[in-house]
Amino acid sequence: MTDRRMIHIVDDEEAIRRSAGFMLKTSGYTVATYPSGTAFLREVRHVEPGCILLDVRMPDMDGLEVQKVLIERGVAMPVIILTGHGDISIAVRAMKAGAVEFIEKPFEKATLIEAISAGFERLDGLGRRAERGAEAALLIAGLTSREQDVLKGLADGLPNKTIAFDLGISPRTVEVHRANLMAKLNVKSLSEALRIAFAANLGDRNA
């Protein structure tokens, strides 16, 4: 049923890793566990794509810090935040940063499976060049602020010279930022870059 769906559990509590891992394995998922955010980040470039269950409160790096590094590295695997009571404001921040869902501990099996299903729906959709807003926002978050400025100018229909004037930089520098952002978004044409920008509501003119 799950067709070898991979789940990465990142939690410093061994009991959570063990219980959630057992629950998911018996539901047909493949599971890998990590005792800390740094342990997961060391391996993330080489792991099988899947859904990440990420604890908010961990001693070395908290979940928000791990999530931020994943975004910076362009890792687009869907994240589900595991949170304790009273961490809702933190979980909401994680949602704004692109998390699929947050689940309060202790969680019910049905709640966890439902969130994971939503995560895999998002993962399956990544092959469509992030046409949905959440994936597009995640991709754009991996750009530098200047690259985002240039992409917004392009989405507003502005030529390179106008973008350069507005930002107080040279047209050549705009071209460099444009090449870099297209490489980071893994697109070959401006239209593909604009599709991602529009999905994330980056352009607000009708140009």
N, C-alpha and C. Protein backbone atom coordinates (compact mmCIF):
# COMPACT_ATOMS: atom_id res chain seq x y z
N MET A 1 0.83 -1.20 0.00
CA MET A 1 0.00 0.00 0.00
C MET A 1 0.86 1.25 0.00
N THR A 2 1.93 1.25 0.80
CA THR A 2 2.77 2.43 0.89
C THR A 2 3.87 2.45 -0.17
N ASP A 3 4.10 1.30 -0.85
CA ASP A 3 5.08 1.22 -1.92
C ASP A 3 6.45 1.73 -1.45
N ARG A 4 6.89 1.15 -0.35
CA ARG A 4 8.20 1.50 0.24
C ARG A 4 8.35 3.00 0.45
N ARG A 5 7.48 3.58 1.21
CA ARG A 5 7.57 4.98 1.55
C ARG A 5 8.54 5.14 2.72
N MET A 6 9.50 6.04 2.56
CA MET A 6 10.53 6.24 3.57
C MET A 6 10.16 7.35 4.55
N ILE A 7 10.34 7.07 5.83
CA ILE A 7 10.12 8.06 6.88
C ILE A 7 11.42 8.25 7.66
N HIS A 8 11.84 9.50 7.82
CA HIS A 8 13.02 9.83 8.62
C HIS A 8 12.55 10.46 9.94
N ILE A 9 12.80 9.78 11.05
CA ILE A 9 12.39 10.27 12.36
C ILE A 9 13.60 10.92 13.04
N VAL A 10 13.48 12.21 13.33
CA VAL A 10 14.56 12.96 13.98
C VAL A 10 14.07 13.41 15.35
N ASP A 11 14.51 12.72 16.40
CA ASP A 11 14.02 13.00 17.75
C ASP A 11 15.07 12.53 18.76
N ASP A 12 15.34 13.35 19.77
CA ASP A 12 16.36 12.96 20.74
C ASP A 12 15.84 11.96 21.78
N GLU A 13 14.52 11.74 21.81
CA GLU A 13 13.95 10.79 22.75
C GLU A 13 13.91 9.39 22.13
N GLU A 14 14.68 8.47 22.72
CA GLU A 14 14.72 7.12 22.18
C GLU A 14 13.35 6.46 22.19
N ALA A 15 12.55 6.74 23.23
CA ALA A 15 11.22 6.13 23.32
C ALA A 15 10.33 6.54 22.15
N ILE A 16 10.43 7.81 21.73
CA ILE A 16 9.64 8.28 20.59
C ILE A 16 10.13 7.63 19.30
N ARG A 17 11.44 7.59 19.13
CA ARG A 17 11.99 6.96 17.92
C ARG A 17 11.54 5.51 17.82
N ARG A 18 11.60 4.82 18.96
CA ARG A 18 11.25 3.40 18.96
C ARG A 18 9.76 3.18 18.74
N SER A 19 8.91 3.91 19.46
CA SER A 19 7.46 3.69 19.35
C SER A 19 6.91 4.15 18.00
N ALA A 20 7.33 5.34 17.56
CA ALA A 20 6.85 5.83 16.26
C ALA A 20 7.40 4.97 15.14
N GLY A 21 8.66 4.54 15.27
CA GLY A 21 9.25 3.68 14.25
C GLY A 21 8.51 2.36 14.13
N PHE A 22 8.18 1.76 15.27
CA PHE A 22 7.44 0.49 15.25
C PHE A 22 6.06 0.69 14.64
N MET A 23 5.38 1.76 15.04
CA MET A 23 4.04 2.06 14.52
C MET A 23 4.06 2.19 13.00
N LEU A 24 5.07 2.88 12.48
CA LEU A 24 5.13 3.13 11.04
C LEU A 24 5.57 1.88 10.27
N LYS A 25 6.51 1.13 10.82
CA LYS A 25 6.95 -0.10 10.16
C LYS A 25 5.80 -1.09 10.03
N THR A 26 4.98 -1.20 11.08
CA THR A 26 3.85 -2.13 11.03
C THR A 26 2.75 -1.62 10.10
N SER A 27 2.84 -0.33 9.72
CA SER A 27 1.89 0.23 8.75
C SER A 27 2.42 0.17 7.33
N GLY A 28 3.61 -0.42 7.16
CA GLY A 28 4.14 -0.64 5.83
C GLY A 28 5.19 0.35 5.37
N TYR A 29 5.59 1.26 6.24
CA TYR A 29 6.60 2.26 5.86
C TYR A 29 8.01 1.74 6.16
N THR A 30 8.98 2.28 5.46
CA THR A 30 10.38 2.06 5.78
C THR A 30 10.83 3.22 6.66
N VAL A 31 11.57 2.91 7.71
CA VAL A 31 11.89 3.93 8.71
C VAL A 31 13.39 4.00 8.97
N ALA A 32 13.89 5.23 9.07
CA ALA A 32 15.26 5.47 9.54
C ALA A 32 15.15 6.47 10.69
N THR A 33 15.95 6.28 11.73
CA THR A 33 15.87 7.17 12.90
C THR A 33 17.21 7.85 13.16
N TYR A 34 17.12 9.05 13.75
CA TYR A 34 18.30 9.87 14.03
C TYR A 34 18.12 10.50 15.41
N PRO A 35 19.15 10.44 16.28
CA PRO A 35 19.02 10.93 17.65
C PRO A 35 19.16 12.44 17.78
N SER A 36 19.50 13.13 16.70
CA SER A 36 19.68 14.58 16.78
C SER A 36 19.56 15.20 15.39
N GLY A 37 19.36 16.53 15.39
CA GLY A 37 19.31 17.23 14.11
C GLY A 37 20.63 17.18 13.37
N THR A 38 21.73 17.30 14.11
CA THR A 38 23.04 17.27 13.46
C THR A 38 23.32 15.90 12.85
N ALA A 39 22.88 14.85 13.51
CA ALA A 39 23.07 13.49 12.97
C ALA A 39 22.33 13.34 11.64
N PHE A 40 21.12 13.87 11.58
CA PHE A 40 20.35 13.80 10.34
C PHE A 40 20.98 14.65 9.24
N LEU A 41 21.40 15.86 9.58
CA LEU A 41 21.98 16.75 8.58
C LEU A 41 23.27 16.18 7.99
N ARG A 42 24.01 15.41 8.79
CA ARG A 42 25.23 14.77 8.27
C ARG A 42 24.90 13.77 7.16
N GLU A 43 23.73 13.15 7.25
CA GLU A 43 23.37 12.07 6.32
C GLU A 43 22.42 12.50 5.21
N VAL A 44 21.80 13.67 5.34
CA VAL A 44 20.63 13.98 4.53
C VAL A 44 20.90 13.97 3.02
N ARG A 45 22.09 14.33 2.60
CA ARG A 45 22.39 14.35 1.17
C ARG A 45 22.41 12.95 0.55
N HIS A 46 22.54 11.93 1.38
CA HIS A 46 22.70 10.57 0.86
C HIS A 46 21.51 9.66 1.18
N VAL A 47 20.49 10.20 1.85
CA VAL A 47 19.38 9.35 2.26
C VAL A 47 18.33 9.24 1.15
N GLU A 48 17.52 8.21 1.27
CA GLU A 48 16.41 8.04 0.33
C GLU A 48 15.36 9.12 0.59
N PRO A 49 14.85 9.77 -0.48
CA PRO A 49 13.82 10.80 -0.27
C PRO A 49 12.60 10.24 0.43
N GLY A 50 12.03 11.05 1.29
CA GLY A 50 10.85 10.62 2.02
C GLY A 50 10.30 11.76 2.85
N CYS A 51 9.58 11.41 3.88
CA CYS A 51 8.95 12.38 4.76
C CYS A 51 9.75 12.47 6.06
N ILE A 52 9.94 13.68 6.59
CA ILE A 52 10.74 13.89 7.79
C ILE A 52 9.83 14.20 8.97
N LEU A 53 9.92 13.38 10.03
CA LEU A 53 9.27 13.69 11.30
C LEU A 53 10.32 14.36 12.18
N LEU A 54 10.12 15.64 12.48
CA LEU A 54 11.16 16.45 13.10
C LEU A 54 10.69 17.01 14.44
N ASP A 55 11.38 16.61 15.50
CA ASP A 55 11.04 17.11 16.83
C ASP A 55 11.48 18.57 16.97
N VAL A 56 10.66 19.39 17.64
CA VAL A 56 10.99 20.80 17.83
C VAL A 56 12.08 20.96 18.87
N ARG A 57 11.92 20.32 20.02
CA ARG A 57 12.85 20.56 21.13
C ARG A 57 13.92 19.46 21.20
N MET A 58 15.12 19.82 20.75
CA MET A 58 16.27 18.92 20.84
C MET A 58 17.46 19.72 21.36
N PRO A 59 18.37 19.09 22.09
CA PRO A 59 19.42 19.84 22.79
C PRO A 59 20.47 20.50 21.91
N ASP A 60 20.89 19.85 20.82
CA ASP A 60 21.97 20.43 20.03
C ASP A 60 21.47 21.48 19.03
N MET A 61 20.51 21.10 18.21
CA MET A 61 19.84 22.02 17.29
C MET A 61 18.35 21.77 17.43
N ASP A 62 17.57 22.83 17.59
CA ASP A 62 16.13 22.59 17.68
C ASP A 62 15.57 22.38 16.27
N GLY A 63 14.30 21.98 16.22
CA GLY A 63 13.70 21.64 14.94
C GLY A 63 13.67 22.79 13.95
N LEU A 64 13.44 24.01 14.44
CA LEU A 64 13.41 25.17 13.54
C LEU A 64 14.77 25.41 12.91
N GLU A 65 15.82 25.20 13.68
CA GLU A 65 17.18 25.38 13.14
C GLU A 65 17.48 24.32 12.08
N VAL A 66 17.07 23.09 12.35
CA VAL A 66 17.27 22.01 11.37
C VAL A 66 16.48 22.32 10.10
N GLN A 67 15.24 22.75 10.27
CA GLN A 67 14.39 23.08 9.13
C GLN A 67 15.03 24.19 8.29
N LYS A 68 15.58 25.19 8.96
CA LYS A 68 16.23 26.31 8.26
C LYS A 68 17.42 25.82 7.43
N VAL A 69 18.22 24.93 8.00
CA VAL A 69 19.38 24.39 7.27
C VAL A 69 18.91 23.57 6.07
N LEU A 70 17.86 22.78 6.24
CA LEU A 70 17.33 21.99 5.13
C LEU A 70 16.90 22.90 3.98
N ILE A 71 16.23 24.00 4.30
CA ILE A 71 15.80 24.95 3.28
C ILE A 71 17.01 25.57 2.58
N GLU A 72 17.99 25.97 3.38
CA GLU A 72 19.21 26.58 2.82
C GLU A 72 19.94 25.63 1.88
N ARG A 73 19.89 24.34 2.20
CA ARG A 73 20.56 23.34 1.36
C ARG A 73 19.70 22.89 0.18
N GLY A 74 18.48 23.40 0.09
CA GLY A 74 17.61 23.02 -1.00
C GLY A 74 17.00 21.65 -0.87
N VAL A 75 16.96 21.12 0.37
CA VAL A 75 16.33 19.81 0.60
C VAL A 75 14.82 20.01 0.69
N ALA A 76 14.10 19.49 -0.29
CA ALA A 76 12.67 19.76 -0.39
C ALA A 76 11.79 18.63 0.15
N MET A 77 12.35 17.74 0.96
CA MET A 77 11.52 16.69 1.54
C MET A 77 10.51 17.31 2.51
N PRO A 78 9.27 16.84 2.49
CA PRO A 78 8.26 17.42 3.38
C PRO A 78 8.58 17.16 4.85
N VAL A 79 8.33 18.17 5.68
CA VAL A 79 8.62 18.10 7.11
C VAL A 79 7.33 18.12 7.92
N ILE A 80 7.21 17.20 8.87
CA ILE A 80 6.12 17.21 9.85
C ILE A 80 6.76 17.45 11.21
N ILE A 81 6.30 18.47 11.90
CA ILE A 81 6.88 18.86 13.17
C ILE A 81 6.21 18.09 14.31
N LEU A 82 7.03 17.51 15.19
CA LEU A 82 6.54 16.87 16.41
C LEU A 82 6.75 17.85 17.56
N THR A 83 5.69 18.17 18.26
CA THR A 83 5.78 19.20 19.29
C THR A 83 5.14 18.77 20.60
N GLY A 84 5.70 19.24 21.70
CA GLY A 84 5.10 19.01 23.00
C GLY A 84 4.05 20.05 23.31
N HIS A 85 3.32 19.86 24.37
CA HIS A 85 2.29 20.82 24.78
C HIS A 85 2.92 22.18 25.05
N GLY A 86 2.30 23.23 24.55
CA GLY A 86 2.81 24.57 24.78
C GLY A 86 3.77 25.06 23.72
N ASP A 87 4.05 24.24 22.72
CA ASP A 87 4.97 24.64 21.66
C ASP A 87 4.25 25.07 20.38
N ILE A 88 2.96 25.39 20.50
CA ILE A 88 2.17 25.66 19.29
C ILE A 88 2.70 26.86 18.52
N SER A 89 3.11 27.92 19.22
CA SER A 89 3.61 29.11 18.51
C SER A 89 4.85 28.76 17.70
N ILE A 90 5.70 27.89 18.25
CA ILE A 90 6.89 27.44 17.53
C ILE A 90 6.47 26.62 16.32
N ALA A 91 5.48 25.76 16.50
CA ALA A 91 5.00 24.92 15.41
C ALA A 91 4.42 25.76 14.28
N VAL A 92 3.72 26.82 14.64
CA VAL A 92 3.15 27.71 13.62
C VAL A 92 4.28 28.37 12.82
N ARG A 93 5.35 28.76 13.50
CA ARG A 93 6.50 29.32 12.79
C ARG A 93 7.07 28.30 11.81
N ALA A 94 7.09 27.04 12.23
CA ALA A 94 7.58 25.99 11.35
C ALA A 94 6.67 25.83 10.14
N MET A 95 5.36 25.94 10.35
CA MET A 95 4.40 25.85 9.25
C MET A 95 4.64 26.99 8.25
N LYS A 96 4.86 28.19 8.76
CA LYS A 96 5.11 29.33 7.88
C LYS A 96 6.39 29.13 7.08
N ALA A 97 7.32 28.37 7.64
CA ALA A 97 8.58 28.08 6.94
C ALA A 97 8.45 26.90 5.99
N GLY A 98 7.26 26.33 5.89
CA GLY A 98 7.03 25.28 4.89
C GLY A 98 6.70 23.90 5.41
N ALA A 99 6.63 23.73 6.74
CA ALA A 99 6.27 22.41 7.27
C ALA A 99 4.86 22.02 6.81
N VAL A 100 4.66 20.73 6.60
CA VAL A 100 3.36 20.23 6.15
C VAL A 100 2.31 20.33 7.26
N GLU A 101 2.74 19.94 8.47
CA GLU A 101 1.81 19.83 9.58
C GLU A 101 2.60 19.79 10.87
N PHE A 102 1.92 20.04 12.00
CA PHE A 102 2.55 19.76 13.28
C PHE A 102 1.63 18.87 14.10
N ILE A 103 2.24 17.99 14.88
CA ILE A 103 1.48 17.03 15.68
C ILE A 103 1.95 17.14 17.12
N GLU A 104 1.00 17.25 18.03
CA GLU A 104 1.34 17.31 19.45
C GLU A 104 1.55 15.91 20.01
N LYS A 105 2.58 15.76 20.84
CA LYS A 105 2.81 14.51 21.55
C LYS A 105 1.94 14.48 22.81
N PRO A 106 1.45 13.31 23.21
CA PRO A 106 1.49 12.04 22.48
C PRO A 106 0.47 12.06 21.34
N PHE A 107 0.79 11.43 20.24
CA PHE A 107 -0.09 11.50 19.07
C PHE A 107 -0.75 10.15 18.80
N GLU A 108 -1.92 10.22 18.17
CA GLU A 108 -2.64 9.01 17.76
C GLU A 108 -2.10 8.53 16.42
N LYS A 109 -2.16 7.23 16.21
CA LYS A 109 -1.67 6.65 14.97
C LYS A 109 -2.37 7.26 13.76
N ALA A 110 -3.70 7.41 13.83
CA ALA A 110 -4.46 7.94 12.69
C ALA A 110 -4.01 9.36 12.35
N THR A 111 -3.73 10.16 13.38
CA THR A 111 -3.28 11.54 13.17
C THR A 111 -1.94 11.56 12.46
N LEU A 112 -1.03 10.70 12.90
CA LEU A 112 0.30 10.63 12.30
C LEU A 112 0.21 10.16 10.85
N ILE A 113 -0.56 9.13 10.59
CA ILE A 113 -0.69 8.59 9.22
C ILE A 113 -1.30 9.63 8.30
N GLU A 114 -2.28 10.37 8.79
CA GLU A 114 -2.92 11.41 7.97
C GLU A 114 -1.92 12.50 7.58
N ALA A 115 -1.10 12.93 8.55
CA ALA A 115 -0.10 13.95 8.28
C ALA A 115 0.95 13.44 7.29
N ILE A 116 1.36 12.19 7.45
CA ILE A 116 2.35 11.61 6.55
C ILE A 116 1.79 11.50 5.13
N SER A 117 0.52 11.14 5.03
CA SER A 117 -0.12 11.06 3.70
C SER A 117 -0.08 12.42 3.00
N ALA A 118 -0.36 13.49 3.78
CA ALA A 118 -0.29 14.84 3.22
C ALA A 118 1.13 15.17 2.79
N GLY A 119 2.11 14.71 3.58
CA GLY A 119 3.50 14.94 3.24
C GLY A 119 3.89 14.27 1.93
N PHE A 120 3.45 13.04 1.74
CA PHE A 120 3.80 12.33 0.51
C PHE A 120 3.05 12.88 -0.70
N GLU A 121 1.85 13.42 -0.47
CA GLU A 121 1.16 14.11 -1.57
C GLU A 121 2.00 15.29 -2.05
N ARG A 122 2.59 16.00 -1.10
CA ARG A 122 3.46 17.12 -1.47
C ARG A 122 4.71 16.62 -2.17
N LEU A 123 5.32 15.55 -1.65
CA LEU A 123 6.53 15.02 -2.26
C LEU A 123 6.26 14.55 -3.69
N ASP A 124 5.14 13.89 -3.91
CA ASP A 124 4.78 13.43 -5.25
C ASP A 124 4.58 14.61 -6.19
N GLY A 125 4.13 15.74 -5.65
CA GLY A 125 3.87 16.91 -6.48
C GLY A 125 5.12 17.67 -6.88
N LEU A 126 6.26 17.39 -6.24
CA LEU A 126 7.48 18.13 -6.56
C LEU A 126 7.93 17.91 -8.00
N GLY A 127 7.55 16.79 -8.58
CA GLY A 127 7.94 16.53 -9.96
C GLY A 127 7.26 17.45 -10.95
N ARG A 128 6.24 18.20 -10.53
CA ARG A 128 5.55 19.14 -11.42
C ARG A 128 6.13 20.53 -11.32
N ARG A 129 7.44 20.63 -10.98
CA ARG A 129 8.13 21.91 -10.90
C ARG A 129 7.51 22.82 -9.87
N ALA A 130 7.08 22.24 -8.77
CA ALA A 130 6.58 23.03 -7.64
C ALA A 130 5.46 23.97 -8.04
N GLU A 131 4.46 23.44 -8.74
CA GLU A 131 3.36 24.28 -9.19
C GLU A 131 2.48 24.72 -8.02
N ARG A 132 2.48 23.99 -6.97
CA ARG A 132 1.69 24.40 -5.82
C ARG A 132 2.49 25.38 -4.98
N GLY A 133 1.77 26.26 -4.31
CA GLY A 133 2.41 27.34 -3.59
C GLY A 133 3.38 26.93 -2.51
N ALA A 134 3.08 25.88 -1.76
CA ALA A 134 3.94 25.49 -0.64
C ALA A 134 5.32 25.07 -1.13
N GLU A 135 5.37 24.25 -2.19
CA GLU A 135 6.67 23.83 -2.71
C GLU A 135 7.43 25.00 -3.31
N ALA A 136 6.69 25.88 -4.01
CA ALA A 136 7.32 27.05 -4.62
C ALA A 136 7.95 27.94 -3.55
N ALA A 137 7.22 28.17 -2.47
CA ALA A 137 7.75 29.00 -1.39
C ALA A 137 8.99 28.38 -0.78
N LEU A 138 9.00 27.06 -0.67
CA LEU A 138 10.15 26.35 -0.11
C LEU A 138 11.38 26.53 -1.00
N LEU A 139 11.18 26.42 -2.31
CA LEU A 139 12.28 26.59 -3.24
C LEU A 139 12.83 28.02 -3.19
N ILE A 140 11.91 29.00 -3.17
CA ILE A 140 12.34 30.40 -3.17
C ILE A 140 13.04 30.76 -1.87
N ALA A 141 12.65 30.11 -0.77
CA ALA A 141 13.31 30.38 0.51
C ALA A 141 14.78 29.99 0.48
N GLY A 142 15.17 29.13 -0.45
CA GLY A 142 16.56 28.72 -0.58
C GLY A 142 17.43 29.72 -1.34
N LEU A 143 16.79 30.78 -1.88
CA LEU A 143 17.54 31.82 -2.58
C LEU A 143 18.03 32.88 -1.60
N THR A 144 19.09 33.58 -1.97
CA THR A 144 19.52 34.71 -1.15
C THR A 144 18.49 35.84 -1.29
N SER A 145 18.54 36.81 -0.39
CA SER A 145 17.58 37.91 -0.45
C SER A 145 17.72 38.69 -1.76
N ARG A 146 18.95 38.87 -2.25
CA ARG A 146 19.16 39.59 -3.51
C ARG A 146 18.64 38.79 -4.69
N GLU A 147 18.83 37.46 -4.67
CA GLU A 147 18.28 36.62 -5.73
C GLU A 147 16.76 36.67 -5.73
N GLN A 148 16.15 36.72 -4.53
CA GLN A 148 14.70 36.86 -4.45
C GLN A 148 14.25 38.21 -5.02
N ASP A 149 15.02 39.26 -4.75
CA ASP A 149 14.70 40.59 -5.30
C ASP A 149 14.71 40.56 -6.83
N VAL A 150 15.73 39.91 -7.39
CA VAL A 150 15.82 39.82 -8.85
C VAL A 150 14.66 39.00 -9.41
N LEU A 151 14.35 37.87 -8.77
CA LEU A 151 13.23 37.04 -9.24
C LEU A 151 11.92 37.81 -9.17
N LYS A 152 11.73 38.59 -8.12
CA LYS A 152 10.50 39.39 -8.00
C LYS A 152 10.43 40.41 -9.13
N GLY A 153 11.56 41.03 -9.46
CA GLY A 153 11.58 41.97 -10.57
C GLY A 153 11.20 41.30 -11.88
N LEU A 154 11.74 40.11 -12.10
CA LEU A 154 11.39 39.35 -13.31
C LEU A 154 9.91 39.00 -13.31
N ALA A 155 9.39 38.61 -12.14
CA ALA A 155 7.97 38.26 -12.04
C ALA A 155 7.07 39.48 -12.25
N ASP A 156 7.62 40.67 -11.94
CA ASP A 156 6.88 41.91 -12.18
C ASP A 156 6.99 42.38 -13.63
N GLY A 157 7.71 41.61 -14.45
CA GLY A 157 7.82 41.93 -15.86
C GLY A 157 8.86 42.97 -16.20
N LEU A 158 9.81 43.18 -15.32
CA LEU A 158 10.81 44.22 -15.53
C LEU A 158 12.03 43.69 -16.28
N PRO A 159 12.63 44.49 -17.16
CA PRO A 159 13.88 44.09 -17.82
C PRO A 159 15.05 44.19 -16.85
N ASN A 160 16.15 43.55 -17.21
CA ASN A 160 17.33 43.53 -16.35
C ASN A 160 17.81 44.93 -15.97
N LYS A 161 17.79 45.87 -16.94
CA LYS A 161 18.28 47.22 -16.67
C LYS A 161 17.43 47.93 -15.62
N THR A 162 16.12 47.72 -15.69
CA THR A 162 15.23 48.35 -14.71
C THR A 162 15.42 47.73 -13.33
N ILE A 163 15.57 46.41 -13.28
CA ILE A 163 15.83 45.73 -12.01
C ILE A 163 17.13 46.25 -11.41
N ALA A 164 18.15 46.39 -12.25
CA ALA A 164 19.44 46.88 -11.79
C ALA A 164 19.31 48.29 -11.21
N PHE A 165 18.57 49.16 -11.90
CA PHE A 165 18.38 50.53 -11.41
C PHE A 165 17.64 50.54 -10.08
N ASP A 166 16.58 49.75 -9.99
CA ASP A 166 15.78 49.71 -8.76
C ASP A 166 16.60 49.21 -7.57
N LEU A 167 17.50 48.25 -7.82
CA LEU A 167 18.28 47.64 -6.73
C LEU A 167 19.61 48.35 -6.50
N GLY A 168 19.96 49.28 -7.38
CA GLY A 168 21.22 50.00 -7.22
C GLY A 168 22.44 49.15 -7.53
N ILE A 169 22.29 48.22 -8.48
CA ILE A 169 23.40 47.36 -8.89
C ILE A 169 23.52 47.41 -10.40
N SER A 170 24.57 46.80 -10.93
CA SER A 170 24.79 46.84 -12.38
C SER A 170 23.96 45.77 -13.08
N PRO A 171 23.63 46.00 -14.38
CA PRO A 171 22.90 44.97 -15.14
C PRO A 171 23.66 43.64 -15.18
N ARG A 172 24.99 43.72 -15.20
CA ARG A 172 25.79 42.49 -15.21
C ARG A 172 25.58 41.70 -13.91
N THR A 173 25.50 42.42 -12.78
CA THR A 173 25.26 41.75 -11.50
C THR A 173 23.88 41.11 -11.47
N VAL A 174 22.91 41.78 -12.08
CA VAL A 174 21.57 41.19 -12.19
C VAL A 174 21.63 39.89 -12.97
N GLU A 175 22.40 39.87 -14.05
CA GLU A 175 22.54 38.66 -14.86
C GLU A 175 23.16 37.51 -14.05
N VAL A 176 24.14 37.85 -13.21
CA VAL A 176 24.77 36.83 -12.37
C VAL A 176 23.76 36.26 -11.37
N HIS A 177 23.00 37.16 -10.70
CA HIS A 177 21.98 36.69 -9.75
C HIS A 177 20.92 35.86 -10.47
N ARG A 178 20.57 36.27 -11.67
CA ARG A 178 19.54 35.55 -12.44
C ARG A 178 20.02 34.14 -12.78
N ALA A 179 21.27 34.02 -13.20
CA ALA A 179 21.83 32.69 -13.51
C ALA A 179 21.89 31.82 -12.25
N ASN A 180 22.28 32.43 -11.13
CA ASN A 180 22.38 31.67 -9.88
C ASN A 180 21.02 31.18 -9.41
N LEU A 181 20.01 32.05 -9.46
CA LEU A 181 18.69 31.65 -8.96
C LEU A 181 18.07 30.57 -9.84
N MET A 182 18.32 30.64 -11.15
CA MET A 182 17.78 29.60 -12.03
C MET A 182 18.45 28.26 -11.77
N ALA A 183 19.76 28.30 -11.44
CA ALA A 183 20.45 27.06 -11.11
C ALA A 183 19.90 26.48 -9.81
N LYS A 184 19.66 27.33 -8.81
CA LYS A 184 19.14 26.86 -7.52
C LYS A 184 17.72 26.32 -7.66
N LEU A 185 16.92 26.95 -8.53
CA LEU A 185 15.55 26.48 -8.74
C LEU A 185 15.51 25.28 -9.67
N ASN A 186 16.67 24.95 -10.27
CA ASN A 186 16.78 23.82 -11.19
C ASN A 186 15.85 23.98 -12.39
N VAL A 187 15.88 25.19 -12.96
CA VAL A 187 15.06 25.46 -14.14
C VAL A 187 15.98 25.86 -15.29
N LYS A 188 15.51 25.63 -16.52
CA LYS A 188 16.30 25.93 -17.71
C LYS A 188 15.82 27.19 -18.43
N SER A 189 14.60 27.62 -18.15
CA SER A 189 14.06 28.77 -18.86
C SER A 189 13.43 29.76 -17.89
N LEU A 190 13.30 31.00 -18.35
CA LEU A 190 12.68 32.04 -17.53
C LEU A 190 11.23 31.69 -17.21
N SER A 191 10.53 31.08 -18.18
CA SER A 191 9.12 30.75 -17.95
C SER A 191 8.97 29.77 -16.79
N GLU A 192 9.90 28.83 -16.67
CA GLU A 192 9.84 27.89 -15.55
C GLU A 192 10.08 28.60 -14.22
N ALA A 193 11.04 29.53 -14.22
CA ALA A 193 11.32 30.31 -13.00
C ALA A 193 10.10 31.15 -12.62
N LEU A 194 9.47 31.74 -13.63
CA LEU A 194 8.29 32.57 -13.36
C LEU A 194 7.12 31.73 -12.85
N ARG A 195 7.00 30.52 -13.33
CA ARG A 195 5.91 29.64 -12.87
C ARG A 195 6.05 29.41 -11.36
N ILE A 196 7.29 29.20 -10.90
CA ILE A 196 7.54 29.01 -9.48
C ILE A 196 7.26 30.31 -8.72
N ALA A 197 7.72 31.44 -9.28
CA ALA A 197 7.49 32.73 -8.62
C ALA A 197 6.00 33.02 -8.47
N PHE A 198 5.24 32.78 -9.53
CA PHE A 198 3.80 33.06 -9.47
C PHE A 198 3.08 32.12 -8.51
N ALA A 199 3.53 30.86 -8.47
CA ALA A 199 2.91 29.90 -7.53
C ALA A 199 3.10 30.35 -6.10
N ALA A 200 4.21 31.05 -5.84
CA ALA A 200 4.49 31.56 -4.49
C ALA A 200 3.99 32.98 -4.29
N ASN A 201 3.22 33.49 -5.27
CA ASN A 201 2.67 34.86 -5.21
C ASN A 201 3.78 35.91 -5.08
N LEU A 202 4.89 35.67 -5.75
CA LEU A 202 6.01 36.60 -5.63
C LEU A 202 5.79 37.86 -6.47
N GLY A 203 5.15 37.71 -7.63
CA GLY A 203 4.91 38.90 -8.47
C GLY A 203 3.55 39.49 -8.16
N ASP A 204 3.47 40.81 -7.96
CA ASP A 204 2.18 41.38 -7.66
C ASP A 204 1.73 42.44 -8.66
N ARG A 205 2.38 42.48 -9.78
CA ARG A 205 1.91 43.37 -10.83
C ARG A 205 1.24 42.54 -11.91
N ASN A 206 0.50 43.19 -12.77
CA ASN A 206 -0.18 42.51 -13.85
C ASN A 206 0.59 42.65 -15.16
N ALA A 207 1.88 42.92 -15.04
CA ALA A 207 2.70 43.12 -16.23
C ALA A 207 2.85 41.83 -17.02
